[in-house]
Amino acid sequence: MPKKVFAPGNRWLVAYLAFLSAFAPLSTDMYLPALPLLQRELQAPAVTINLTLVTFFLTYCIFLLIYGPLSDRYGRRPPLLVGVGLFIVACLTCALSQSAGMMIFGRVLQGAGAAAASAI
């Protein structure tokens, strides 16, 4: 008999799926109000700080196309774990960044990691 997805023992699955689907929205919606503060803290022009958002979306879109074939080849779990791990490392990189260049690099990694959750 097949296992029910929403059985009492599998309630964690709903929370897990909600968490995964929130990667990209949280990476942008919570980030946008902080752009002026980020500009002040990193002492960078607004154009450079806006580049952090642009590079996130470009990387996110490119990696959406990459994770699909990877999940077909290796299954869902390994690419998803790599993507989530990459997202965590990217968040730490962004939190510890001392320059706009490092922040842009962290946002590129965030886009690559967030795409795994959306694609898979």
PDB file of N, CA and C in Angstrom:
ATOM      1  N   MET A   1       0.849  -1.174   0.000  1.00  0.00           N
ATOM      2  CA  MET A   1       0.000   0.000   0.000  1.00  0.00           C
ATOM      3  C   MET A   1       0.897   1.240   0.000  1.00  0.00           C
ATOM      4  N   PRO A   2       0.624   2.205  -0.896  1.00  0.00           N
ATOM      5  CA  PRO A   2       1.479   3.397  -0.954  1.00  0.00           C
ATOM      6  C   PRO A   2       1.349   4.258   0.300  1.00  0.00           C
ATOM      7  N   LYS A   3       2.429   4.903   0.606  1.00  0.00           N
ATOM      8  CA  LYS A   3       2.476   5.765   1.776  1.00  0.00           C
ATOM      9  C   LYS A   3       1.789   7.091   1.472  1.00  0.00           C
ATOM     10  N   LYS A   4       0.954   7.564   2.366  1.00  0.00           N
ATOM     11  CA  LYS A   4       0.272   8.841   2.161  1.00  0.00           C
ATOM     12  C   LYS A   4       1.270   9.976   2.396  1.00  0.00           C
ATOM     13  N   VAL A   5       1.275  10.936   1.488  1.00  0.00           N
ATOM     14  CA  VAL A   5       2.221  12.040   1.588  1.00  0.00           C
ATOM     15  C   VAL A   5       1.913  12.919   2.791  1.00  0.00           C
ATOM     16  N   PHE A   6       0.668  13.208   3.037  1.00  0.00           N
ATOM     17  CA  PHE A   6       0.292  14.111   4.125  1.00  0.00           C
ATOM     18  C   PHE A   6      -0.167  13.367   5.367  1.00  0.00           C
ATOM     19  N   ALA A   7       0.353  12.178   5.558  1.00  0.00           N
ATOM     20  CA  ALA A   7       0.054  11.425   6.771  1.00  0.00           C
ATOM     21  C   ALA A   7       0.690  12.130   7.967  1.00  0.00           C
ATOM     22  N   PRO A   8       0.198  11.890   9.174  1.00  0.00           N
ATOM     23  CA  PRO A   8       0.745  12.569  10.355  1.00  0.00           C
ATOM     24  C   PRO A   8       2.257  12.429  10.504  1.00  0.00           C
ATOM     25  N   GLY A   9       2.837  11.337  10.092  1.00  0.00           N
ATOM     26  CA  GLY A   9       4.277  11.145  10.212  1.00  0.00           C
ATOM     27  C   GLY A   9       5.081  11.937   9.195  1.00  0.00           C
ATOM     28  N   ASN A  10       4.425  12.464   8.165  1.00  0.00           N
ATOM     29  CA  ASN A  10       5.121  13.183   7.095  1.00  0.00           C
ATOM     30  C   ASN A  10       4.821  14.678   7.089  1.00  0.00           C
ATOM     31  N   ARG A  11       4.431  15.222   8.192  1.00  0.00           N
ATOM     32  CA  ARG A  11       4.133  16.662   8.229  1.00  0.00           C
ATOM     33  C   ARG A  11       5.365  17.511   7.967  1.00  0.00           C
ATOM     34  N   TRP A  12       6.531  16.975   8.243  1.00  0.00           N
ATOM     35  CA  TRP A  12       7.762  17.690   7.990  1.00  0.00           C
ATOM     36  C   TRP A  12       7.948  17.945   6.502  1.00  0.00           C
ATOM     37  N   LEU A  13       7.366  17.092   5.675  1.00  0.00           N
ATOM     38  CA  LEU A  13       7.519  17.227   4.232  1.00  0.00           C
ATOM     39  C   LEU A  13       6.925  18.541   3.724  1.00  0.00           C
ATOM     40  N   VAL A  14       5.786  18.930   4.259  1.00  0.00           N
ATOM     41  CA  VAL A  14       5.148  20.184   3.852  1.00  0.00           C
ATOM     42  C   VAL A  14       6.033  21.368   4.239  1.00  0.00           C
ATOM     43  N   ALA A  15       6.572  21.345   5.440  1.00  0.00           N
ATOM     44  CA  ALA A  15       7.461  22.423   5.881  1.00  0.00           C
ATOM     45  C   ALA A  15       8.735  22.446   5.052  1.00  0.00           C
ATOM     46  N   TYR A  16       9.256  21.284   4.729  1.00  0.00           N
ATOM     47  CA  TYR A  16      10.467  21.183   3.925  1.00  0.00           C
ATOM     48  C   TYR A  16      10.246  21.752   2.530  1.00  0.00           C
ATOM     49  N   LEU A  17       9.142  21.401   1.897  1.00  0.00           N
ATOM     50  CA  LEU A  17       8.834  21.924   0.563  1.00  0.00           C
ATOM     51  C   LEU A  17       8.592  23.432   0.586  1.00  0.00           C
ATOM     52  N   ALA A  18       7.942  23.919   1.638  1.00  0.00           N
ATOM     53  CA  ALA A  18       7.733  25.364   1.761  1.00  0.00           C
ATOM     54  C   ALA A  18       9.063  26.082   1.934  1.00  0.00           C
ATOM     55  N   PHE A  19       9.950  25.512   2.713  1.00  0.00           N
ATOM     56  CA  PHE A  19      11.273  26.093   2.918  1.00  0.00           C
ATOM     57  C   PHE A  19      12.048  26.155   1.606  1.00  0.00           C
ATOM     58  N   LEU A  20      12.007  25.077   0.833  1.00  0.00           N
ATOM     59  CA  LEU A  20      12.725  25.049  -0.443  1.00  0.00           C
ATOM     60  C   LEU A  20      12.155  26.045  -1.448  1.00  0.00           C
ATOM     61  N   SER A  21      10.852  26.178  -1.464  1.00  0.00           N
ATOM     62  CA  SER A  21      10.246  27.096  -2.431  1.00  0.00           C
ATOM     63  C   SER A  21      10.457  28.554  -2.051  1.00  0.00           C
ATOM     64  N   ALA A  22      10.895  28.812  -0.828  1.00  0.00           N
ATOM     65  CA  ALA A  22      11.092  30.191  -0.372  1.00  0.00           C
ATOM     66  C   ALA A  22      12.501  30.714  -0.610  1.00  0.00           C
ATOM     67  N   PHE A  23      13.415  29.897  -1.124  1.00  0.00           N
ATOM     68  CA  PHE A  23      14.798  30.351  -1.313  1.00  0.00           C
ATOM     69  C   PHE A  23      14.881  31.612  -2.168  1.00  0.00           C
ATOM     70  N   ALA A  24      14.357  31.557  -3.364  1.00  0.00           N
ATOM     71  CA  ALA A  24      14.481  32.701  -4.271  1.00  0.00           C
ATOM     72  C   ALA A  24      13.712  33.927  -3.787  1.00  0.00           C
ATOM     73  N   PRO A  25      12.454  33.805  -3.359  1.00  0.00           N
ATOM     74  CA  PRO A  25      11.762  35.003  -2.869  1.00  0.00           C
ATOM     75  C   PRO A  25      12.436  35.635  -1.650  1.00  0.00           C
ATOM     76  N   LEU A  26      12.909  34.815  -0.729  1.00  0.00           N
ATOM     77  CA  LEU A  26      13.584  35.378   0.437  1.00  0.00           C
ATOM     78  C   LEU A  26      14.906  36.034   0.061  1.00  0.00           C
ATOM     79  N   SER A  27      15.557  35.496  -0.955  1.00  0.00           N
ATOM     80  CA  SER A  27      16.833  36.056  -1.386  1.00  0.00           C
ATOM     81  C   SER A  27      16.680  37.414  -2.051  1.00  0.00           C
ATOM     82  N   THR A  28      15.489  37.733  -2.477  1.00  0.00           N
ATOM     83  CA  THR A  28      15.282  39.034  -3.123  1.00  0.00           C
ATOM     84  C   THR A  28      14.407  39.964  -2.278  1.00  0.00           C
ATOM     85  N   ASP A  29      13.294  39.476  -1.786  1.00  0.00           N
ATOM     86  CA  ASP A  29      12.352  40.348  -1.082  1.00  0.00           C
ATOM     87  C   ASP A  29      12.914  40.914   0.221  1.00  0.00           C
ATOM     88  N   MET A  30      13.672  40.124   0.937  1.00  0.00           N
ATOM     89  CA  MET A  30      14.270  40.632   2.173  1.00  0.00           C
ATOM     90  C   MET A  30      15.515  41.460   1.891  1.00  0.00           C
ATOM     91  N   TYR A  31      16.057  41.311   0.712  1.00  0.00           N
ATOM     92  CA  TYR A  31      17.300  41.976   0.339  1.00  0.00           C
ATOM     93  C   TYR A  31      17.068  43.396  -0.170  1.00  0.00           C
ATOM     94  N   LEU A  32      15.970  43.613  -0.869  1.00  0.00           N
ATOM     95  CA  LEU A  32      15.715  44.910  -1.504  1.00  0.00           C
ATOM     96  C   LEU A  32      15.685  46.094  -0.535  1.00  0.00           C
ATOM     97  N   PRO A  33      15.024  46.010   0.599  1.00  0.00           N
ATOM     98  CA  PRO A  33      15.021  47.164   1.505  1.00  0.00           C
ATOM     99  C   PRO A  33      16.403  47.504   2.073  1.00  0.00           C
ATOM    100  N   ALA A  34      17.312  46.562   2.044  1.00  0.00           N
ATOM    101  CA  ALA A  34      18.643  46.786   2.611  1.00  0.00           C
ATOM    102  C   ALA A  34      19.628  47.385   1.617  1.00  0.00           C
ATOM    103  N   LEU A  35      19.237  47.609   0.386  1.00  0.00           N
ATOM    104  CA  LEU A  35      20.171  48.123  -0.617  1.00  0.00           C
ATOM    105  C   LEU A  35      20.789  49.469  -0.232  1.00  0.00           C
ATOM    106  N   PRO A  36      20.026  50.463   0.245  1.00  0.00           N
ATOM    107  CA  PRO A  36      20.668  51.723   0.632  1.00  0.00           C
ATOM    108  C   PRO A  36      21.656  51.549   1.800  1.00  0.00           C
ATOM    109  N   LEU A  37      21.318  50.723   2.756  1.00  0.00           N
ATOM    110  CA  LEU A  37      22.227  50.468   3.869  1.00  0.00           C
ATOM    111  C   LEU A  37      23.484  49.747   3.386  1.00  0.00           C
ATOM    112  N   LEU A  38      23.303  48.811   2.488  1.00  0.00           N
ATOM    113  CA  LEU A  38      24.433  48.086   1.913  1.00  0.00           C
ATOM    114  C   LEU A  38      25.358  49.034   1.147  1.00  0.00           C
ATOM    115  N   GLN A  39      24.761  49.960   0.441  1.00  0.00           N
ATOM    116  CA  GLN A  39      25.543  50.951  -0.297  1.00  0.00           C
ATOM    117  C   GLN A  39      26.388  51.784   0.664  1.00  0.00           C
ATOM    118  N   ARG A  40      25.808  52.179   1.772  1.00  0.00           N
ATOM    119  CA  ARG A  40      26.531  52.967   2.772  1.00  0.00           C
ATOM    120  C   ARG A  40      27.630  52.154   3.445  1.00  0.00           C
ATOM    121  N   GLU A  41      27.297  50.926   3.826  1.00  0.00           N
ATOM    122  CA  GLU A  41      28.253  50.094   4.556  1.00  0.00           C
ATOM    123  C   GLU A  41      29.452  49.699   3.705  1.00  0.00           C
ATOM    124  N   LEU A  42      29.202  49.349   2.455  1.00  0.00           N
ATOM    125  CA  LEU A  42      30.290  48.923   1.576  1.00  0.00           C
ATOM    126  C   LEU A  42      30.944  50.085   0.845  1.00  0.00           C
ATOM    127  N   GLN A  43      30.393  51.281   1.012  1.00  0.00           N
ATOM    128  CA  GLN A  43      30.890  52.504   0.376  1.00  0.00           C
ATOM    129  C   GLN A  43      31.075  52.288  -1.129  1.00  0.00           C
ATOM    130  N   ALA A  44      30.008  51.857  -1.753  1.00  0.00           N
ATOM    131  CA  ALA A  44      30.010  51.571  -3.182  1.00  0.00           C
ATOM    132  C   ALA A  44      28.874  52.347  -3.843  1.00  0.00           C
ATOM    133  N   PRO A  45      29.015  52.663  -5.118  1.00  0.00           N
ATOM    134  CA  PRO A  45      27.928  53.356  -5.815  1.00  0.00           C
ATOM    135  C   PRO A  45      26.691  52.478  -5.953  1.00  0.00           C
ATOM    136  N   ALA A  46      25.560  53.112  -6.142  1.00  0.00           N
ATOM    137  CA  ALA A  46      24.286  52.390  -6.252  1.00  0.00           C
ATOM    138  C   ALA A  46      24.284  51.416  -7.425  1.00  0.00           C
ATOM    139  N   VAL A  47      24.965  51.775  -8.492  1.00  0.00           N
ATOM    140  CA  VAL A  47      25.019  50.893  -9.665  1.00  0.00           C
ATOM    141  C   VAL A  47      25.704  49.573  -9.304  1.00  0.00           C
ATOM    142  N   THR A  48      26.755  49.646  -8.542  1.00  0.00           N
ATOM    143  CA  THR A  48      27.476  48.434  -8.143  1.00  0.00           C
ATOM    144  C   THR A  48      26.626  47.579  -7.210  1.00  0.00           C
ATOM    145  N   ILE A  49      25.930  48.220  -6.305  1.00  0.00           N
ATOM    146  CA  ILE A  49      25.073  47.477  -5.382  1.00  0.00           C
ATOM    147  C   ILE A  49      23.900  46.850  -6.128  1.00  0.00           C
ATOM    148  N   ASN A  50      23.356  47.539  -7.115  1.00  0.00           N
ATOM    149  CA  ASN A  50      22.281  46.961  -7.927  1.00  0.00           C
ATOM    150  C   ASN A  50      22.776  45.771  -8.738  1.00  0.00           C
ATOM    151  N   LEU A  51      24.070  45.762  -9.022  1.00  0.00           N
ATOM    152  CA  LEU A  51      24.646  44.645  -9.761  1.00  0.00           C
ATOM    153  C   LEU A  51      24.553  43.350  -8.954  1.00  0.00           C
ATOM    154  N   THR A  52      24.500  43.457  -7.633  1.00  0.00           N
ATOM    155  CA  THR A  52      24.340  42.252  -6.821  1.00  0.00           C
ATOM    156  C   THR A  52      22.997  41.582  -7.105  1.00  0.00           C
ATOM    157  N   LEU A  53      21.988  42.372  -7.343  1.00  0.00           N
ATOM    158  CA  LEU A  53      20.666  41.833  -7.654  1.00  0.00           C
ATOM    159  C   LEU A  53      20.621  41.265  -9.076  1.00  0.00           C
ATOM    160  N   VAL A  54      21.218  41.969 -10.014  1.00  0.00           N
ATOM    161  CA  VAL A  54      21.226  41.526 -11.408  1.00  0.00           C
ATOM    162  C   VAL A  54      21.989  40.214 -11.553  1.00  0.00           C
ATOM    163  N   THR A  55      23.146  40.120 -10.925  1.00  0.00           N
ATOM    164  CA  THR A  55      23.933  38.888 -11.047  1.00  0.00           C
ATOM    165  C   THR A  55      23.228  37.707 -10.376  1.00  0.00           C
ATOM    166  N   PHE A  56      22.502  37.984  -9.287  1.00  0.00           N
ATOM    167  CA  PHE A  56      21.728  36.910  -8.651  1.00  0.00           C
ATOM    168  C   PHE A  56      20.724  36.340  -9.648  1.00  0.00           C
ATOM    169  N   PHE A  57      19.950  37.200 -10.289  1.00  0.00           N
ATOM    170  CA  PHE A  57      18.913  36.712 -11.204  1.00  0.00           C
ATOM    171  C   PHE A  57      19.499  36.050 -12.445  1.00  0.00           C
ATOM    172  N   LEU A  58      20.591  36.575 -12.973  1.00  0.00           N
ATOM    173  CA  LEU A  58      21.213  35.943 -14.139  1.00  0.00           C
ATOM    174  C   LEU A  58      21.704  34.538 -13.801  1.00  0.00           C
ATOM    175  N   THR A  59      22.390  34.411 -12.688  1.00  0.00           N
ATOM    176  CA  THR A  59      22.882  33.102 -12.278  1.00  0.00           C
ATOM    177  C   THR A  59      21.729  32.162 -11.962  1.00  0.00           C
ATOM    178  N   TYR A  60      20.711  32.676 -11.302  1.00  0.00           N
ATOM    179  CA  TYR A  60      19.535  31.875 -10.963  1.00  0.00           C
ATOM    180  C   TYR A  60      18.899  31.296 -12.229  1.00  0.00           C
ATOM    181  N   CYS A  61      18.713  32.131 -13.230  1.00  0.00           N
ATOM    182  CA  CYS A  61      18.078  31.680 -14.478  1.00  0.00           C
ATOM    183  C   CYS A  61      18.941  30.666 -15.222  1.00  0.00           C
ATOM    184  N   ILE A  62      20.235  30.879 -15.248  1.00  0.00           N
ATOM    185  CA  ILE A  62      21.123  29.940 -15.936  1.00  0.00           C
ATOM    186  C   ILE A  62      21.136  28.596 -15.223  1.00  0.00           C
ATOM    187  N   PHE A  63      21.210  28.618 -13.906  1.00  0.00           N
ATOM    188  CA  PHE A  63      21.285  27.363 -13.162  1.00  0.00           C
ATOM    189  C   PHE A  63      19.948  26.633 -13.101  1.00  0.00           C
ATOM    190  N   LEU A  64      18.847  27.308 -13.362  1.00  0.00           N
ATOM    191  CA  LEU A  64      17.575  26.583 -13.508  1.00  0.00           C
ATOM    192  C   LEU A  64      17.667  25.599 -14.658  1.00  0.00           C
ATOM    193  N   LEU A  65      18.365  25.993 -15.710  1.00  0.00           N
ATOM    194  CA  LEU A  65      18.533  25.127 -16.875  1.00  0.00           C
ATOM    195  C   LEU A  65      19.535  24.008 -16.626  1.00  0.00           C
ATOM    196  N   ILE A  66      20.414  24.188 -15.659  1.00  0.00           N
ATOM    197  CA  ILE A  66      21.452  23.195 -15.396  1.00  0.00           C
ATOM    198  C   ILE A  66      20.969  22.113 -14.431  1.00  0.00           C
ATOM    199  N   TYR A  67      20.226  22.493 -13.398  1.00  0.00           N
ATOM    200  CA  TYR A  67      19.814  21.521 -12.385  1.00  0.00           C
ATOM    201  C   TYR A  67      18.810  20.494 -12.905  1.00  0.00           C
ATOM    202  N   GLY A  68      18.024  20.847 -13.889  1.00  0.00           N
ATOM    203  CA  GLY A  68      17.067  19.887 -14.445  1.00  0.00           C
ATOM    204  C   GLY A  68      17.746  18.660 -15.028  1.00  0.00           C
ATOM    205  N   PRO A  69      18.672  18.843 -15.987  1.00  0.00           N
ATOM    206  CA  PRO A  69      19.385  17.674 -16.523  1.00  0.00           C
ATOM    207  C   PRO A  69      20.239  16.949 -15.472  1.00  0.00           C
ATOM    208  N   LEU A  70      20.802  17.702 -14.521  1.00  0.00           N
ATOM    209  CA  LEU A  70      21.578  17.047 -13.462  1.00  0.00           C
ATOM    210  C   LEU A  70      20.699  16.141 -12.607  1.00  0.00           C
ATOM    211  N   SER A  71      19.474  16.592 -12.322  1.00  0.00           N
ATOM    212  CA  SER A  71      18.575  15.751 -11.521  1.00  0.00           C
ATOM    213  C   SER A  71      18.095  14.540 -12.329  1.00  0.00           C
ATOM    214  N   ASP A  72      18.002  14.672 -13.641  1.00  0.00           N
ATOM    215  CA  ASP A  72      17.667  13.510 -14.468  1.00  0.00           C
ATOM    216  C   ASP A  72      18.797  12.484 -14.460  1.00  0.00           C
ATOM    217  N   ARG A  73      20.017  12.962 -14.475  1.00  0.00           N
ATOM    218  CA  ARG A  73      21.182  12.071 -14.544  1.00  0.00           C
ATOM    219  C   ARG A  73      21.505  11.431 -13.199  1.00  0.00           C
ATOM    220  N   TYR A  74      21.501  12.227 -12.124  1.00  0.00           N
ATOM    221  CA  TYR A  74      21.958  11.749 -10.820  1.00  0.00           C
ATOM    222  C   TYR A  74      20.843  11.559  -9.799  1.00  0.00           C
ATOM    223  N   GLY A  75      19.622  11.845 -10.161  1.00  0.00           N
ATOM    224  CA  GLY A  75      18.513  11.787  -9.208  1.00  0.00           C
ATOM    225  C   GLY A  75      18.319  13.151  -8.567  1.00  0.00           C
ATOM    226  N   ARG A  76      17.276  13.287  -7.784  1.00  0.00           N
ATOM    227  CA  ARG A  76      16.952  14.592  -7.202  1.00  0.00           C
ATOM    228  C   ARG A  76      17.813  14.948  -6.000  1.00  0.00           C
ATOM    229  N   ARG A  77      18.097  13.973  -5.188  1.00  0.00           N
ATOM    230  CA  ARG A  77      18.758  14.255  -3.914  1.00  0.00           C
ATOM    231  C   ARG A  77      20.163  14.860  -4.040  1.00  0.00           C
ATOM    232  N   PRO A  78      21.101  14.272  -4.797  1.00  0.00           N
ATOM    233  CA  PRO A  78      22.455  14.845  -4.833  1.00  0.00           C
ATOM    234  C   PRO A  78      22.516  16.290  -5.345  1.00  0.00           C
ATOM    235  N   PRO A  79      21.864  16.630  -6.471  1.00  0.00           N
ATOM    236  CA  PRO A  79      21.928  18.033  -6.903  1.00  0.00           C
ATOM    237  C   PRO A  79      21.238  18.981  -5.917  1.00  0.00           C
ATOM    238  N   LEU A  80      20.166  18.511  -5.285  1.00  0.00           N
ATOM    239  CA  LEU A  80      19.474  19.359  -4.319  1.00  0.00           C
ATOM    240  C   LEU A  80      20.351  19.624  -3.102  1.00  0.00           C
ATOM    241  N   LEU A  81      21.041  18.610  -2.615  1.00  0.00           N
ATOM    242  CA  LEU A  81      21.938  18.790  -1.476  1.00  0.00           C
ATOM    243  C   LEU A  81      23.106  19.708  -1.822  1.00  0.00           C
ATOM    244  N   VAL A  82      23.631  19.568  -3.028  1.00  0.00           N
ATOM    245  CA  VAL A  82      24.708  20.465  -3.471  1.00  0.00           C
ATOM    246  C   VAL A  82      24.200  21.897  -3.551  1.00  0.00           C
ATOM    247  N   GLY A  83      23.017  22.081  -4.108  1.00  0.00           N
ATOM    248  CA  GLY A  83      22.452  23.422  -4.229  1.00  0.00           C
ATOM    249  C   GLY A  83      22.170  24.070  -2.881  1.00  0.00           C
ATOM    250  N   VAL A  84      21.605  23.306  -1.959  1.00  0.00           N
ATOM    251  CA  VAL A  84      21.323  23.845  -0.624  1.00  0.00           C
ATOM    252  C   VAL A  84      22.625  24.165   0.106  1.00  0.00           C
ATOM    253  N   GLY A  85      23.618  23.292  -0.024  1.00  0.00           N
ATOM    254  CA  GLY A  85      24.925  23.560   0.584  1.00  0.00           C
ATOM    255  C   GLY A  85      25.572  24.797  -0.006  1.00  0.00           C
ATOM    256  N   LEU A  86      25.472  24.941  -1.315  1.00  0.00           N
ATOM    257  CA  LEU A  86      26.013  26.121  -1.979  1.00  0.00           C
ATOM    258  C   LEU A  86      25.295  27.383  -1.523  1.00  0.00           C
ATOM    259  N   PHE A  87      23.991  27.290  -1.339  1.00  0.00           N
ATOM    260  CA  PHE A  87      23.222  28.442  -0.869  1.00  0.00           C
ATOM    261  C   PHE A  87      23.654  28.849   0.541  1.00  0.00           C
ATOM    262  N   ILE A  88      23.899  27.884   1.401  1.00  0.00           N
ATOM    263  CA  ILE A  88      24.326  28.180   2.770  1.00  0.00           C
ATOM    264  C   ILE A  88      25.698  28.845   2.771  1.00  0.00           C
ATOM    265  N   VAL A  89      26.625  28.302   1.987  1.00  0.00           N
ATOM    266  CA  VAL A  89      27.960  28.909   1.888  1.00  0.00           C
ATOM    267  C   VAL A  89      27.860  30.321   1.318  1.00  0.00           C
ATOM    268  N   ALA A  90      26.988  30.505   0.341  1.00  0.00           N
ATOM    269  CA  ALA A  90      26.809  31.820  -0.270  1.00  0.00           C
ATOM    270  C   ALA A  90      26.243  32.826   0.728  1.00  0.00           C
ATOM    271  N   CYS A  91      25.314  32.391   1.549  1.00  0.00           N
ATOM    272  CA  CYS A  91      24.763  33.288   2.569  1.00  0.00           C
ATOM    273  C   CYS A  91      25.841  33.719   3.557  1.00  0.00           C
ATOM    274  N   LEU A  92      26.692  32.794   3.949  1.00  0.00           N
ATOM    275  CA  LEU A  92      27.803  33.142   4.837  1.00  0.00           C
ATOM    276  C   LEU A  92      28.784  34.085   4.150  1.00  0.00           C
ATOM    277  N   THR A  93      29.040  33.867   2.866  1.00  0.00           N
ATOM    278  CA  THR A  93      29.917  34.754   2.101  1.00  0.00           C
ATOM    279  C   THR A  93      29.344  36.163   2.050  1.00  0.00           C
ATOM    280  N   CYS A  94      28.045  36.271   1.796  1.00  0.00           N
ATOM    281  CA  CYS A  94      27.408  37.592   1.757  1.00  0.00           C
ATOM    282  C   CYS A  94      27.443  38.261   3.128  1.00  0.00           C
ATOM    283  N   ALA A  95      27.219  37.496   4.170  1.00  0.00           N
ATOM    284  CA  ALA A  95      27.203  38.063   5.523  1.00  0.00           C
ATOM    285  C   ALA A  95      28.576  38.556   5.945  1.00  0.00           C
ATOM    286  N   LEU A  96      29.624  37.909   5.467  1.00  0.00           N
ATOM    287  CA  LEU A  96      30.977  38.277   5.855  1.00  0.00           C
ATOM    288  C   LEU A  96      31.679  39.175   4.848  1.00  0.00           C
ATOM    289  N   SER A  97      30.980  39.584   3.794  1.00  0.00           N
ATOM    290  CA  SER A  97      31.629  40.377   2.745  1.00  0.00           C
ATOM    291  C   SER A  97      32.019  41.760   3.254  1.00  0.00           C
ATOM    292  N   GLN A  98      33.201  42.180   2.848  1.00  0.00           N
ATOM    293  CA  GLN A  98      33.729  43.484   3.234  1.00  0.00           C
ATOM    294  C   GLN A  98      33.845  44.433   2.038  1.00  0.00           C
ATOM    295  N   SER A  99      33.515  43.932   0.854  1.00  0.00           N
ATOM    296  CA  SER A  99      33.592  44.762  -0.345  1.00  0.00           C
ATOM    297  C   SER A  99      32.428  44.422  -1.267  1.00  0.00           C
ATOM    298  N   ALA A 100      32.200  45.305  -2.209  1.00  0.00           N
ATOM    299  CA  ALA A 100      31.109  45.078  -3.165  1.00  0.00           C
ATOM    300  C   ALA A 100      31.411  43.882  -4.061  1.00  0.00           C
ATOM    301  N   GLY A 101      32.671  43.702  -4.410  1.00  0.00           N
ATOM    302  CA  GLY A 101      33.042  42.560  -5.245  1.00  0.00           C
ATOM    303  C   GLY A 101      32.769  41.235  -4.566  1.00  0.00           C
ATOM    304  N   MET A 102      33.075  41.159  -3.297  1.00  0.00           N
ATOM    305  CA  MET A 102      32.810  39.929  -2.550  1.00  0.00           C
ATOM    306  C   MET A 102      31.308  39.708  -2.409  1.00  0.00           C
ATOM    307  N   MET A 103      30.565  40.789  -2.258  1.00  0.00           N
ATOM    308  CA  MET A 103      29.108  40.680  -2.162  1.00  0.00           C
ATOM    309  C   MET A 103      28.518  40.191  -3.484  1.00  0.00           C
ATOM    310  N   ILE A 104      29.026  40.690  -4.580  1.00  0.00           N
ATOM    311  CA  ILE A 104      28.554  40.244  -5.895  1.00  0.00           C
ATOM    312  C   ILE A 104      28.856  38.760  -6.074  1.00  0.00           C
ATOM    313  N   PHE A 105      30.053  38.346  -5.689  1.00  0.00           N
ATOM    314  CA  PHE A 105      30.421  36.932  -5.777  1.00  0.00           C
ATOM    315  C   PHE A 105      29.492  36.073  -4.920  1.00  0.00           C
ATOM    316  N   GLY A 106      29.194  36.523  -3.720  1.00  0.00           N
ATOM    317  CA  GLY A 106      28.273  35.794  -2.847  1.00  0.00           C
ATOM    318  C   GLY A 106      26.882  35.694  -3.428  1.00  0.00           C
ATOM    319  N   ARG A 107      26.427  36.759  -4.062  1.00  0.00           N
ATOM    320  CA  ARG A 107      25.092  36.734  -4.675  1.00  0.00           C
ATOM    321  C   ARG A 107      25.047  35.814  -5.888  1.00  0.00           C
ATOM    322  N   VAL A 108      26.157  35.717  -6.630  1.00  0.00           N
ATOM    323  CA  VAL A 108      26.216  34.769  -7.744  1.00  0.00           C
ATOM    324  C   VAL A 108      26.080  33.345  -7.207  1.00  0.00           C
ATOM    325  N   LEU A 109      26.799  33.047  -6.125  1.00  0.00           N
ATOM    326  CA  LEU A 109      26.682  31.720  -5.517  1.00  0.00           C
ATOM    327  C   LEU A 109      25.277  31.478  -4.976  1.00  0.00           C
ATOM    328  N   GLN A 110      24.652  32.517  -4.411  1.00  0.00           N
ATOM    329  CA  GLN A 110      23.293  32.370  -3.920  1.00  0.00           C
ATOM    330  C   GLN A 110      22.329  32.026  -5.045  1.00  0.00           C
ATOM    331  N   GLY A 111      22.469  32.681  -6.172  1.00  0.00           N
ATOM    332  CA  GLY A 111      21.613  32.386  -7.307  1.00  0.00           C
ATOM    333  C   GLY A 111      21.782  30.950  -7.788  1.00  0.00           C
ATOM    334  N   ALA A 112      23.037  30.479  -7.801  1.00  0.00           N
ATOM    335  CA  ALA A 112      23.303  29.101  -8.216  1.00  0.00           C
ATOM    336  C   ALA A 112      22.689  28.108  -7.229  1.00  0.00           C
ATOM    337  N   GLY A 113      22.743  28.412  -5.953  1.00  0.00           N
ATOM    338  CA  GLY A 113      22.165  27.501  -4.963  1.00  0.00           C
ATOM    339  C   GLY A 113      20.651  27.551  -4.910  1.00  0.00           C
ATOM    340  N   ALA A 114      20.081  28.744  -5.026  1.00  0.00           N
ATOM    341  CA  ALA A 114      18.629  28.886  -4.960  1.00  0.00           C
ATOM    342  C   ALA A 114      17.933  28.218  -6.144  1.00  0.00           C
ATOM    343  N   ALA A 115      18.610  28.152  -7.268  1.00  0.00           N
ATOM    344  CA  ALA A 115      18.007  27.533  -8.448  1.00  0.00           C
ATOM    345  C   ALA A 115      17.770  26.040  -8.246  1.00  0.00           C
ATOM    346  N   ALA A 116      18.581  25.409  -7.431  1.00  0.00           N
ATOM    347  CA  ALA A 116      18.393  23.970  -7.196  1.00  0.00           C
ATOM    348  C   ALA A 116      17.053  23.706  -6.536  1.00  0.00           C
ATOM    349  N   ALA A 117      16.713  24.530  -5.563  1.00  0.00           N
ATOM    350  CA  ALA A 117      15.450  24.343  -4.850  1.00  0.00           C
ATOM    351  C   ALA A 117      14.258  24.558  -5.776  1.00  0.00           C
ATOM    352  N   SER A 118      14.355  25.514  -6.674  1.00  0.00           N
ATOM    353  CA  SER A 118      13.240  25.795  -7.578  1.00  0.00           C
ATOM    354  C   SER A 118      13.135  24.766  -8.701  1.00  0.00           C
ATOM    355  N   ALA A 119      14.256  24.351  -9.237  1.00  0.00           N
ATOM    356  CA  ALA A 119      14.243  23.437 -10.378  1.00  0.00           C
ATOM    357  C   ALA A 119      13.895  22.011  -9.979  1.00  0.00           C
ATOM    358  N   ILE A 120      14.315  21.624  -8.785  1.00  0.00           N
ATOM    359  CA  ILE A 120      14.136  20.226  -8.391  1.00  0.00           C
ATOM    360  C   ILE A 120      12.906  20.088  -7.519  1.00  0.00           C
TER     361      ILE A 120
END
